[in-house]
Amino acid sequence: IMNGYEDGAKEVNPDINYQTAWTGSFTDTALAKEAAQAMIDNG
């Protein structure tokens, strides 16, 4: 899914910056929010 997302994004914008994170948990919402916030802080 993660790779499919990247492939689709690059069809539209080949130069897009694609940030990813594996949090290590299926249920820890705080951890996922932290990861997303770091990406948002990075643009």
Full PDB file with SEQRES, HELIX, SHEET, SSBOND, CRYST1, ORIGX, SCALE, CONECT and MASTER records, all heavy atoms in Angstrom:
SEQRES   1 A   43  ILE MET ASN GLY TYR GLU ASP GLY ALA LYS GLU VAL ASN          
SEQRES   2 A   43  PRO ASP ILE ASN TYR GLN THR ALA TRP THR GLY SER PHE          
SEQRES   3 A   43  THR ASP THR ALA LEU ALA LYS GLU ALA ALA GLN ALA MET          
SEQRES   4 A   43  ILE ASP ASN GLY                                              
HELIX    1 AA1 MET A    2  VAL A   12  1                                  11    
HELIX    2 AA2 THR A   29  ASP A   41  1                                  13    
CRYST1    1.000    1.000    1.000  90.00  90.00  90.00 P 1           1          
ORIGX1      1.000000  0.000000  0.000000        0.00000                         
ORIGX2      0.000000  1.000000  0.000000        0.00000                         
ORIGX3      0.000000  0.000000  1.000000        0.00000                         
SCALE1      1.000000  0.000000  0.000000        0.00000                         
SCALE2      0.000000  1.000000  0.000000        0.00000                         
SCALE3      0.000000  0.000000  1.000000        0.00000                         
ATOM      1  N   ILE A   1       0.844  -1.201   0.000  1.00  0.00           N  
ATOM      2  CA  ILE A   1       0.000   0.000   0.000  1.00  0.00           C  
ATOM      3  C   ILE A   1       0.873   1.242   0.000  1.00  0.00           C  
ATOM      4  O   ILE A   1       0.655   2.188  -0.767  1.00  0.00           O  
ATOM      5  CB  ILE A   1      -0.951   0.011   1.222  1.00  0.00           C  
ATOM      6  CG1 ILE A   1      -1.834  -1.231   1.240  1.00  0.00           C  
ATOM      7  CG2 ILE A   1      -1.805   1.280   1.200  1.00  0.00           C  
ATOM      8  CD1 ILE A   1      -2.674  -1.366   2.505  1.00  0.00           C  
ATOM      9  N   MET A   2       1.884   1.256   0.893  1.00  0.00           N  
ATOM     10  CA  MET A   2       2.792   2.393   0.978  1.00  0.00           C  
ATOM     11  C   MET A   2       3.494   2.639  -0.356  1.00  0.00           C  
ATOM     12  O   MET A   2       3.612   3.772  -0.811  1.00  0.00           O  
ATOM     13  CB  MET A   2       3.821   2.163   2.082  1.00  0.00           C  
ATOM     14  CG  MET A   2       4.750   3.336   2.321  1.00  0.00           C  
ATOM     15  SD  MET A   2       5.927   3.064   3.681  1.00  0.00           S  
ATOM     16  CE  MET A   2       4.885   3.351   5.110  1.00  0.00           C  
ATOM     17  N   ASN A   3       3.934   1.559  -1.002  1.00  0.00           N  
ATOM     18  CA  ASN A   3       4.608   1.701  -2.290  1.00  0.00           C  
ATOM     19  C   ASN A   3       3.637   2.113  -3.396  1.00  0.00           C  
ATOM     20  O   ASN A   3       3.984   2.894  -4.291  1.00  0.00           O  
ATOM     21  CB  ASN A   3       5.295   0.384  -2.665  1.00  0.00           C  
ATOM     22  CG  ASN A   3       6.507   0.107  -1.801  1.00  0.00           C  
ATOM     23  OD1 ASN A   3       7.007   0.981  -1.101  1.00  0.00           O  
ATOM     24  ND2 ASN A   3       6.990  -1.122  -1.837  1.00  0.00           N  
ATOM     25  N   GLY A   4       2.421   1.564  -3.346  1.00  0.00           N  
ATOM     26  CA  GLY A   4       1.405   1.961  -4.324  1.00  0.00           C  
ATOM     27  C   GLY A   4       1.090   3.439  -4.225  1.00  0.00           C  
ATOM     28  O   GLY A   4       0.903   4.129  -5.244  1.00  0.00           O  
ATOM     29  N   TYR A   5       1.027   3.950  -3.009  1.00  0.00           N  
ATOM     30  CA  TYR A   5       0.765   5.369  -2.765  1.00  0.00           C  
ATOM     31  C   TYR A   5       1.856   6.220  -3.414  1.00  0.00           C  
ATOM     32  O   TYR A   5       1.579   7.215  -4.091  1.00  0.00           O  
ATOM     33  CB  TYR A   5       0.736   5.610  -1.259  1.00  0.00           C  
ATOM     34  CG  TYR A   5      -0.072   6.788  -0.767  1.00  0.00           C  
ATOM     35  CD1 TYR A   5      -1.390   6.626  -0.336  1.00  0.00           C  
ATOM     36  CD2 TYR A   5       0.480   8.063  -0.668  1.00  0.00           C  
ATOM     37  CE1 TYR A   5      -2.125   7.697   0.166  1.00  0.00           C  
ATOM     38  CE2 TYR A   5      -0.231   9.135  -0.177  1.00  0.00           C  
ATOM     39  CZ  TYR A   5      -1.550   8.948   0.241  1.00  0.00           C  
ATOM     40  OH  TYR A   5      -2.273  10.009   0.736  1.00  0.00           O  
ATOM     41  N   GLU A   6       3.102   5.798  -3.229  1.00  0.00           N  
ATOM     42  CA  GLU A   6       4.226   6.522  -3.826  1.00  0.00           C  
ATOM     43  C   GLU A   6       4.161   6.477  -5.355  1.00  0.00           C  
ATOM     44  O   GLU A   6       4.363   7.503  -6.028  1.00  0.00           O  
ATOM     45  CB  GLU A   6       5.548   5.931  -3.356  1.00  0.00           C  
ATOM     46  CG  GLU A   6       6.757   6.618  -3.978  1.00  0.00           C  
ATOM     47  CD  GLU A   6       8.083   6.034  -3.539  1.00  0.00           C  
ATOM     48  OE1 GLU A   6       8.095   4.898  -3.039  1.00  0.00           O  
ATOM     49  OE2 GLU A   6       9.102   6.736  -3.708  1.00  0.00           O  
ATOM     50  N   ASP A   7       3.887   5.299  -5.910  1.00  0.00           N  
ATOM     51  CA  ASP A   7       3.835   5.160  -7.365  1.00  0.00           C  
ATOM     52  C   ASP A   7       2.752   6.053  -7.971  1.00  0.00           C  
ATOM     53  O   ASP A   7       2.955   6.689  -9.010  1.00  0.00           O  
ATOM     54  CB  ASP A   7       3.582   3.705  -7.750  1.00  0.00           C  
ATOM     55  CG  ASP A   7       4.768   2.800  -7.427  1.00  0.00           C  
ATOM     56  OD1 ASP A   7       5.892   3.322  -7.268  1.00  0.00           O  
ATOM     57  OD2 ASP A   7       4.556   1.573  -7.323  1.00  0.00           O  
ATOM     58  N   GLY A   8       1.579   6.086  -7.320  1.00  0.00           N  
ATOM     59  CA  GLY A   8       0.496   6.936  -7.806  1.00  0.00           C  
ATOM     60  C   GLY A   8       0.853   8.407  -7.717  1.00  0.00           C  
ATOM     61  O   GLY A   8       0.585   9.185  -8.637  1.00  0.00           O  
ATOM     62  N   ALA A   9       1.467   8.790  -6.590  1.00  0.00           N  
ATOM     63  CA  ALA A   9       1.859  10.189  -6.410  1.00  0.00           C  
ATOM     64  C   ALA A   9       2.848  10.618  -7.481  1.00  0.00           C  
ATOM     65  O   ALA A   9       2.759  11.721  -8.038  1.00  0.00           O  
ATOM     66  CB  ALA A   9       2.459  10.380  -5.025  1.00  0.00           C  
ATOM     67  N   LYS A  10       3.793   9.724  -7.801  1.00  0.00           N  
ATOM     68  CA  LYS A  10       4.828  10.079  -8.776  1.00  0.00           C  
ATOM     69  C   LYS A  10       4.320  10.062 -10.217  1.00  0.00           C  
ATOM     70  O   LYS A  10       4.963  10.634 -11.105  1.00  0.00           O  
ATOM     71  CB  LYS A  10       6.037   9.166  -8.604  1.00  0.00           C  
ATOM     72  CG  LYS A  10       6.811   9.496  -7.334  1.00  0.00           C  
ATOM     73  CD  LYS A  10       8.110   8.739  -7.209  1.00  0.00           C  
ATOM     74  CE  LYS A  10       8.895   9.257  -5.997  1.00  0.00           C  
ATOM     75  NZ  LYS A  10      10.171   8.526  -5.807  1.00  0.00           N  
ATOM     76  N   GLU A  11       3.169   9.431 -10.452  1.00  0.00           N  
ATOM     77  CA  GLU A  11       2.577   9.566 -11.787  1.00  0.00           C  
ATOM     78  C   GLU A  11       2.116  10.998 -11.999  1.00  0.00           C  
ATOM     79  O   GLU A  11       2.201  11.544 -13.101  1.00  0.00           O  
ATOM     80  CB  GLU A  11       1.398   8.606 -11.973  1.00  0.00           C  
ATOM     81  CG  GLU A  11       0.720   8.800 -13.318  1.00  0.00           C  
ATOM     82  CD  GLU A  11      -0.372   7.786 -13.632  1.00  0.00           C  
ATOM     83  OE1 GLU A  11      -0.277   6.632 -13.168  1.00  0.00           O  
ATOM     84  OE2 GLU A  11      -1.308   8.153 -14.356  1.00  0.00           O  
ATOM     85  N   VAL A  12       1.613  11.605 -10.931  1.00  0.00           N  
ATOM     86  CA  VAL A  12       1.119  12.981 -11.009  1.00  0.00           C  
ATOM     87  C   VAL A  12       2.268  13.987 -10.907  1.00  0.00           C  
ATOM     88  O   VAL A  12       2.309  14.993 -11.623  1.00  0.00           O  
ATOM     89  CB  VAL A  12       0.076  13.238  -9.900  1.00  0.00           C  
ATOM     90  CG1 VAL A  12      -0.341  14.711  -9.875  1.00  0.00           C  
ATOM     91  CG2 VAL A  12      -1.139  12.344 -10.108  1.00  0.00           C  
ATOM     92  N   ASN A  13       3.199  13.722  -9.995  1.00  0.00           N  
ATOM     93  CA  ASN A  13       4.337  14.625  -9.775  1.00  0.00           C  
ATOM     94  C   ASN A  13       5.597  13.790  -9.554  1.00  0.00           C  
ATOM     95  O   ASN A  13       5.867  13.340  -8.432  1.00  0.00           O  
ATOM     96  CB  ASN A  13       4.079  15.528  -8.570  1.00  0.00           C  
ATOM     97  CG  ASN A  13       5.253  16.460  -8.269  1.00  0.00           C  
ATOM     98  OD1 ASN A  13       6.251  16.470  -8.994  1.00  0.00           O  
ATOM     99  ND2 ASN A  13       5.139  17.238  -7.207  1.00  0.00           N  
ATOM    100  N   PRO A  14       6.375  13.556 -10.609  1.00  0.00           N  
ATOM    101  CA  PRO A  14       7.572  12.711 -10.500  1.00  0.00           C  
ATOM    102  C   PRO A  14       8.586  13.212  -9.477  1.00  0.00           C  
ATOM    103  O   PRO A  14       9.401  12.429  -8.980  1.00  0.00           O  
ATOM    104  CB  PRO A  14       8.166  12.755 -11.920  1.00  0.00           C  
ATOM    105  CG  PRO A  14       7.014  13.111 -12.798  1.00  0.00           C  
ATOM    106  CD  PRO A  14       6.155  14.032 -11.984  1.00  0.00           C  
ATOM    107  N   ASP A  15       8.537  14.498  -9.143  1.00  0.00           N  
ATOM    108  CA  ASP A  15       9.516  15.079  -8.221  1.00  0.00           C  
ATOM    109  C   ASP A  15       8.995  15.228  -6.796  1.00  0.00           C  
ATOM    110  O   ASP A  15       9.636  15.873  -5.959  1.00  0.00           O  
ATOM    111  CB  ASP A  15       9.954  16.458  -8.735  1.00  0.00           C  
ATOM    112  CG  ASP A  15      10.632  16.380 -10.095  1.00  0.00           C  
ATOM    113  OD1 ASP A  15      11.420  15.435 -10.306  1.00  0.00           O  
ATOM    114  OD2 ASP A  15      10.353  17.246 -10.946  1.00  0.00           O  
ATOM    115  N   ILE A  16       7.855  14.630  -6.504  1.00  0.00           N  
ATOM    116  CA  ILE A  16       7.265  14.811  -5.182  1.00  0.00           C  
ATOM    117  C   ILE A  16       8.157  14.234  -4.083  1.00  0.00           C  
ATOM    118  O   ILE A  16       8.851  13.229  -4.275  1.00  0.00           O  
ATOM    119  CB  ILE A  16       5.859  14.174  -5.119  1.00  0.00           C  
ATOM    120  CG1 ILE A  16       5.066  14.758  -3.959  1.00  0.00           C  
ATOM    121  CG2 ILE A  16       5.944  12.639  -5.024  1.00  0.00           C  
ATOM    122  CD1 ILE A  16       3.562  14.632  -4.117  1.00  0.00           C  
ATOM    123  N   ASN A  17       8.189  14.914  -2.953  1.00  0.00           N  
ATOM    124  CA  ASN A  17       8.936  14.433  -1.789  1.00  0.00           C  
ATOM    125  C   ASN A  17       7.993  13.560  -0.960  1.00  0.00           C  
ATOM    126  O   ASN A  17       6.942  14.017  -0.519  1.00  0.00           O  
ATOM    127  CB  ASN A  17       9.439  15.617  -0.961  1.00  0.00           C  
ATOM    128  CG  ASN A  17      10.289  15.166   0.218  1.00  0.00           C  
ATOM    129  OD1 ASN A  17      10.993  14.159   0.136  1.00  0.00           O  
ATOM    130  ND2 ASN A  17      10.210  15.891   1.310  1.00  0.00           N  
ATOM    131  N   TYR A  18       8.368  12.305  -0.764  1.00  0.00           N  
ATOM    132  CA  TYR A  18       7.489  11.323  -0.111  1.00  0.00           C  
ATOM    133  C   TYR A  18       8.144  10.855   1.186  1.00  0.00           C  
ATOM    134  O   TYR A  18       9.131  10.134   1.183  1.00  0.00           O  
ATOM    135  CB  TYR A  18       7.266  10.140  -1.058  1.00  0.00           C  
ATOM    136  CG  TYR A  18       6.274   9.103  -0.593  1.00  0.00           C  
ATOM    137  CD1 TYR A  18       4.978   9.444  -0.233  1.00  0.00           C  
ATOM    138  CD2 TYR A  18       6.635   7.749  -0.550  1.00  0.00           C  
ATOM    139  CE1 TYR A  18       4.068   8.483   0.161  1.00  0.00           C  
ATOM    140  CE2 TYR A  18       5.727   6.779  -0.159  1.00  0.00           C  
ATOM    141  CZ  TYR A  18       4.435   7.146   0.199  1.00  0.00           C  
ATOM    142  OH  TYR A  18       3.540   6.177   0.586  1.00  0.00           O  
ATOM    143  N   GLN A  19       7.581  11.266   2.311  1.00  0.00           N  
ATOM    144  CA  GLN A  19       8.088  10.883   3.622  1.00  0.00           C  
ATOM    145  C   GLN A  19       7.301   9.678   4.150  1.00  0.00           C  
ATOM    146  O   GLN A  19       6.072   9.638   4.000  1.00  0.00           O  
ATOM    147  CB  GLN A  19       7.939  12.036   4.612  1.00  0.00           C  
ATOM    148  CG  GLN A  19       8.621  13.323   4.202  1.00  0.00           C  
ATOM    149  CD  GLN A  19       8.399  14.407   5.240  1.00  0.00           C  
ATOM    150  OE1 GLN A  19       8.834  14.308   6.387  1.00  0.00           O  
ATOM    151  NE2 GLN A  19       7.699  15.470   4.841  1.00  0.00           N  
ATOM    152  N   THR A  20       7.980   8.741   4.769  1.00  0.00           N  
ATOM    153  CA  THR A  20       7.288   7.572   5.329  1.00  0.00           C  
ATOM    154  C   THR A  20       7.767   7.273   6.741  1.00  0.00           C  
ATOM    155  O   THR A  20       8.887   7.634   7.122  1.00  0.00           O  
ATOM    156  CB  THR A  20       7.518   6.311   4.476  1.00  0.00           C  
ATOM    157  OG1 THR A  20       8.903   5.946   4.521  1.00  0.00           O  
ATOM    158  CG2 THR A  20       7.102   6.537   3.030  1.00  0.00           C  
ATOM    159  N   ALA A  21       6.920   6.595   7.488  1.00  0.00           N  
ATOM    160  CA  ALA A  21       7.288   6.159   8.839  1.00  0.00           C  
ATOM    161  C   ALA A  21       6.570   4.864   9.179  1.00  0.00           C  
ATOM    162  O   ALA A  21       5.392   4.698   8.850  1.00  0.00           O  
ATOM    163  CB  ALA A  21       6.917   7.229   9.865  1.00  0.00           C  
ATOM    164  N   TRP A  22       7.295   3.946   9.815  1.00  0.00           N  
ATOM    165  CA  TRP A  22       6.693   2.753  10.420  1.00  0.00           C  
ATOM    166  C   TRP A  22       6.733   2.979  11.930  1.00  0.00           C  
ATOM    167  O   TRP A  22       7.799   3.145  12.510  1.00  0.00           O  
ATOM    168  CB  TRP A  22       7.485   1.492  10.060  1.00  0.00           C  
ATOM    169  CG  TRP A  22       7.456   1.158   8.600  1.00  0.00           C  
ATOM    170  CD1 TRP A  22       8.436   1.380   7.675  1.00  0.00           C  
ATOM    171  CD2 TRP A  22       6.382   0.537   7.890  1.00  0.00           C  
ATOM    172  NE1 TRP A  22       8.048   0.945   6.433  1.00  0.00           N  
ATOM    173  CE2 TRP A  22       6.783   0.418   6.537  1.00  0.00           C  
ATOM    174  CE3 TRP A  22       5.117   0.073   8.262  1.00  0.00           C  
ATOM    175  CZ2 TRP A  22       5.974  -0.143   5.553  1.00  0.00           C  
ATOM    176  CZ3 TRP A  22       4.312  -0.481   7.288  1.00  0.00           C  
ATOM    177  CH2 TRP A  22       4.733  -0.598   5.955  1.00  0.00           C  
ATOM    178  N   THR A  23       5.577   3.000  12.571  1.00  0.00           N  
ATOM    179  CA  THR A  23       5.544   3.320  14.000  1.00  0.00           C  
ATOM    180  C   THR A  23       5.813   2.113  14.891  1.00  0.00           C  
ATOM    181  O   THR A  23       6.163   2.268  16.047  1.00  0.00           O  
ATOM    182  CB  THR A  23       4.177   3.905  14.397  1.00  0.00           C  
ATOM    183  OG1 THR A  23       3.174   2.885  14.272  1.00  0.00           O  
ATOM    184  CG2 THR A  23       3.824   5.094  13.521  1.00  0.00           C  
ATOM    185  N   GLY A  24       5.601   0.905  14.362  1.00  0.00           N  
ATOM    186  CA  GLY A  24       5.797  -0.292  15.177  1.00  0.00           C  
ATOM    187  C   GLY A  24       4.580  -0.702  15.982  1.00  0.00           C  
ATOM    188  O   GLY A  24       4.649  -1.608  16.799  1.00  0.00           O  
ATOM    189  N   SER A  25       3.436  -0.061  15.752  1.00  0.00           N  
ATOM    190  CA  SER A  25       2.228  -0.382  16.518  1.00  0.00           C  
ATOM    191  C   SER A  25       0.991  -0.240  15.645  1.00  0.00           C  
ATOM    192  O   SER A  25       0.881   0.692  14.841  1.00  0.00           O  
ATOM    193  CB  SER A  25       2.095   0.543  17.724  1.00  0.00           C  
ATOM    194  OG  SER A  25       0.838   0.376  18.364  1.00  0.00           O  
ATOM    195  N   PHE A  26       0.039  -1.156  15.841  1.00  0.00           N  
ATOM    196  CA  PHE A  26      -1.248  -1.074  15.155  1.00  0.00           C  
ATOM    197  C   PHE A  26      -2.250  -0.217  15.919  1.00  0.00           C  
ATOM    198  O   PHE A  26      -3.279   0.162  15.374  1.00  0.00           O  
ATOM    199  CB  PHE A  26      -1.852  -2.475  14.990  1.00  0.00           C  
ATOM    200  CG  PHE A  26      -1.115  -3.351  14.006  1.00  0.00           C  
ATOM    201  CD1 PHE A  26      -0.222  -4.300  14.458  1.00  0.00           C  
ATOM    202  CD2 PHE A  26      -1.305  -3.220  12.645  1.00  0.00           C  
ATOM    203  CE1 PHE A  26       0.464  -5.122  13.568  1.00  0.00           C  
ATOM    204  CE2 PHE A  26      -0.625  -4.023  11.743  1.00  0.00           C  
ATOM    205  CZ  PHE A  26       0.263  -4.972  12.206  1.00  0.00           C  
ATOM    206  N   THR A  27      -1.980   0.067  17.186  1.00  0.00           N  
ATOM    207  CA  THR A  27      -2.993   0.681  18.044  1.00  0.00           C  
ATOM    208  C   THR A  27      -2.573   1.978  18.714  1.00  0.00           C  
ATOM    209  O   THR A  27      -3.423   2.681  19.256  1.00  0.00           O  
ATOM    210  CB  THR A  27      -3.406  -0.309  19.156  1.00  0.00           C  
ATOM    211  OG1 THR A  27      -2.245  -0.692  19.907  1.00  0.00           O  
ATOM    212  CG2 THR A  27      -4.055  -1.556  18.562  1.00  0.00           C  
ATOM    213  N   ASP A  28      -1.291   2.330  18.700  1.00  0.00           N  
ATOM    214  CA  ASP A  28      -0.815   3.510  19.420  1.00  0.00           C  
ATOM    215  C   ASP A  28      -1.070   4.769  18.595  1.00  0.00           C  
ATOM    216  O   ASP A  28      -0.271   5.156  17.744  1.00  0.00           O  
ATOM    217  CB  ASP A  28       0.679   3.359  19.739  1.00  0.00           C  
ATOM    218  CG  ASP A  28       1.151   4.375  20.768  1.00  0.00           C  
ATOM    219  OD1 ASP A  28       0.636   5.513  20.759  1.00  0.00           O  
ATOM    220  OD2 ASP A  28       2.036   4.030  21.585  1.00  0.00           O  
ATOM    221  N   THR A  29      -2.183   5.443  18.874  1.00  0.00           N  
ATOM    222  CA  THR A  29      -2.554   6.635  18.120  1.00  0.00           C  
ATOM    223  C   THR A  29      -1.594   7.793  18.383  1.00  0.00           C  
ATOM    224  O   THR A  29      -1.325   8.597  17.480  1.00  0.00           O  
ATOM    225  CB  THR A  29      -3.991   7.071  18.458  1.00  0.00           C  
ATOM    226  OG1 THR A  29      -4.095   7.280  19.872  1.00  0.00           O  
ATOM    227  CG2 THR A  29      -4.998   6.008  18.034  1.00  0.00           C  
ATOM    228  N   ALA A  30      -1.070   7.870  19.601  1.00  0.00           N  
ATOM    229  CA  ALA A  30      -0.148   8.961  19.935  1.00  0.00           C  
ATOM    230  C   ALA A  30       1.130   8.859  19.112  1.00  0.00           C  
ATOM    231  O   ALA A  30       1.684   9.865  18.656  1.00  0.00           O  
ATOM    232  CB  ALA A  30       0.173   8.937  21.429  1.00  0.00           C  
ATOM    233  N   LEU A  31       1.602   7.628  18.917  1.00  0.00           N  
ATOM    234  CA  LEU A  31       2.824   7.408  18.158  1.00  0.00           C  
ATOM    235  C   LEU A  31       2.632   7.807  16.694  1.00  0.00           C  
ATOM    236  O   LEU A  31       3.500   8.441  16.085  1.00  0.00           O  
ATOM    237  CB  LEU A  31       3.219   5.932  18.255  1.00  0.00           C  
ATOM    238  CG  LEU A  31       4.702   5.567  18.170  1.00  0.00           C  
ATOM    239  CD1 LEU A  31       5.513   6.330  19.192  1.00  0.00           C  
ATOM    240  CD2 LEU A  31       4.874   4.069  18.372  1.00  0.00           C  
ATOM    241  N   ALA A  32       1.482   7.449  16.122  1.00  0.00           N  
ATOM    242  CA  ALA A  32       1.199   7.815  14.728  1.00  0.00           C  
ATOM    243  C   ALA A  32       1.015   9.323  14.581  1.00  0.00           C  
ATOM    244  O   ALA A  32       1.455   9.918  13.580  1.00  0.00           O  
ATOM    245  CB  ALA A  32      -0.047   7.087  14.245  1.00  0.00           C  
ATOM    246  N   LYS A  33       0.408   9.937  15.572  1.00  0.00           N  
ATOM    247  CA  LYS A  33       0.235  11.399  15.517  1.00  0.00           C  
ATOM    248  C   LYS A  33       1.587  12.093  15.578  1.00  0.00           C  
ATOM    249  O   LYS A  33       1.842  13.068  14.867  1.00  0.00           O  
ATOM    250  CB  LYS A  33      -0.655  11.867  16.664  1.00  0.00           C  
ATOM    251  CG  LYS A  33      -1.015  13.344  16.574  1.00  0.00           C  
ATOM    252  CD  LYS A  33      -2.059  13.745  17.609  1.00  0.00           C  
ATOM    253  CE  LYS A  33      -2.476  15.205  17.392  1.00  0.00           C  
ATOM    254  NZ  LYS A  33      -3.543  15.627  18.336  1.00  0.00           N  
ATOM    255  N   GLU A  34       2.468  11.577  16.418  1.00  0.00           N  
ATOM    256  CA  GLU A  34       3.815  12.134  16.527  1.00  0.00           C  
ATOM    257  C   GLU A  34       4.572  12.030  15.199  1.00  0.00           C  
ATOM    258  O   GLU A  34       5.229  12.977  14.760  1.00  0.00           O  
ATOM    259  CB  GLU A  34       4.581  11.387  17.622  1.00  0.00           C  
ATOM    260  CG  GLU A  34       6.021  11.820  17.802  1.00  0.00           C  
ATOM    261  CD  GLU A  34       6.760  10.945  18.790  1.00  0.00           C  
ATOM    262  OE1 GLU A  34       6.112  10.336  19.664  1.00  0.00           O  
ATOM    263  OE2 GLU A  34       8.005  10.848  18.678  1.00  0.00           O  
ATOM    264  N   ALA A  35       4.453  10.863  14.556  1.00  0.00           N  
ATOM    265  CA  ALA A  35       5.121  10.650  13.273  1.00  0.00           C  
ATOM    266  C   ALA A  35       4.570  11.596  12.212  1.00  0.00           C  
ATOM    267  O   ALA A  35       5.325  12.187  11.427  1.00  0.00           O  
ATOM    268  CB  ALA A  35       4.963   9.205  12.829  1.00  0.00           C  
ATOM    269  N   ALA A  36       3.244  11.733  12.175  1.00  0.00           N  
ATOM    270  CA  ALA A  36       2.624  12.631  11.200  1.00  0.00           C  
ATOM    271  C   ALA A  36       3.014  14.080  11.447  1.00  0.00           C  
ATOM    272  O   ALA A  36       3.277  14.840  10.507  1.00  0.00           O  
ATOM    273  CB  ALA A  36       1.105  12.478  11.240  1.00  0.00           C  
ATOM    274  N   GLN A  37       3.063  14.467  12.705  1.00  0.00           N  
ATOM    275  CA  GLN A  37       3.421  15.843  13.029  1.00  0.00           C  
ATOM    276  C   GLN A  37       4.848  16.158  12.592  1.00  0.00           C  
ATOM    277  O   GLN A  37       5.141  17.260  12.107  1.00  0.00           O  
ATOM    278  CB  GLN A  37       3.264  16.095  14.531  1.00  0.00           C  
ATOM    279  CG  GLN A  37       3.446  17.555  14.930  1.00  0.00           C  
ATOM    280  CD  GLN A  37       2.441  18.463  14.250  1.00  0.00           C  
ATOM    281  OE1 GLN A  37       1.231  18.236  14.321  1.00  0.00           O  
ATOM    282  NE2 GLN A  37       2.914  19.507  13.552  1.00  0.00           N  
ATOM    283  N   ALA A  38       5.739  15.181  12.742  1.00  0.00           N  
ATOM    284  CA  ALA A  38       7.125  15.375  12.297  1.00  0.00           C  
ATOM    285  C   ALA A  38       7.170  15.609  10.784  1.00  0.00           C  
ATOM    286  O   ALA A  38       7.959  16.436  10.291  1.00  0.00           O  
ATOM    287  CB  ALA A  38       7.978  14.168  12.670  1.00  0.00           C  
ATOM    288  N   MET A  39       6.322  14.884  10.038  1.00  0.00           N  
ATOM    289  CA  MET A  39       6.261  15.082   8.588  1.00  0.00           C  
ATOM    290  C   MET A  39       5.697  16.454   8.242  1.00  0.00           C  
ATOM    291  O   MET A  39       6.186  17.128   7.329  1.00  0.00           O  
ATOM    292  CB  MET A  39       5.392  13.984   7.964  1.00  0.00           C  
ATOM    293  CG  MET A  39       5.981  12.603   8.068  1.00  0.00           C  
ATOM    294  SD  MET A  39       4.821  11.371   7.443  1.00  0.00           S  
ATOM    295  CE  MET A  39       5.792   9.873   7.669  1.00  0.00           C  
ATOM    296  N   ILE A  40       4.663  16.857   8.970  1.00  0.00           N  
ATOM    297  CA  ILE A  40       4.060  18.173   8.750  1.00  0.00           C  
ATOM    298  C   ILE A  40       5.078  19.271   9.034  1.00  0.00           C  
ATOM    299  O   ILE A  40       5.204  20.246   8.275  1.00  0.00           O  
ATOM    300  CB  ILE A  40       2.802  18.327   9.631  1.00  0.00           C  
ATOM    301  CG1 ILE A  40       1.705  17.361   9.153  1.00  0.00           C  
ATOM    302  CG2 ILE A  40       2.293  19.764   9.607  1.00  0.00           C  
ATOM    303  CD1 ILE A  40       0.534  17.230  10.101  1.00  0.00           C  
ATOM    304  N   ASP A  41       5.827  19.109  10.119  1.00  0.00           N  
ATOM    305  CA  ASP A  41       6.878  20.083  10.451  1.00  0.00           C  
ATOM    306  C   ASP A  41       7.950  20.134   9.371  1.00  0.00           C  
ATOM    307  O   ASP A  41       8.638  21.144   9.210  1.00  0.00           O  
ATOM    308  CB  ASP A  41       7.525  19.721  11.794  1.00  0.00           C  
ATOM    309  CG  ASP A  41       6.568  19.892  12.973  1.00  0.00           C  
ATOM    310  OD1 ASP A  41       5.537  20.580  12.806  1.00  0.00           O  
ATOM    311  OD2 ASP A  41       6.843  19.329  14.050  1.00  0.00           O  
ATOM    312  N   ASN A  42       8.072  19.030   8.617  1.00  0.00           N  
ATOM    313  CA  ASN A  42       9.069  18.947   7.549  1.00  0.00           C  
ATOM    314  C   ASN A  42       8.477  19.295   6.174  1.00  0.00           C  
ATOM    315  O   ASN A  42       9.064  19.008   5.149  1.00  0.00           O  
ATOM    316  CB  ASN A  42       9.676  17.541   7.518  1.00  0.00           C  
ATOM    317  CG  ASN A  42      10.976  17.481   6.736  1.00  0.00           C  
ATOM    318  OD1 ASN A  42      11.789  18.391   6.783  1.00  0.00           O  
ATOM    319  ND2 ASN A  42      11.166  16.394   6.001  1.00  0.00           N  
ATOM    320  N   GLY A  43       7.263  19.881   6.182  1.00  0.00           N  
ATOM    321  CA  GLY A  43       6.705  20.411   4.955  1.00  0.00           C  
ATOM    322  C   GLY A  43       5.583  19.639   4.299  1.00  0.00           C  
ATOM    323  O   GLY A  43       5.012  20.092   3.305  1.00  0.00           O  
TER     324      GLY A  43                                                      
MASTER        0    0    0    2    0    0    0    6  323    1    0    4          
END                                                                             
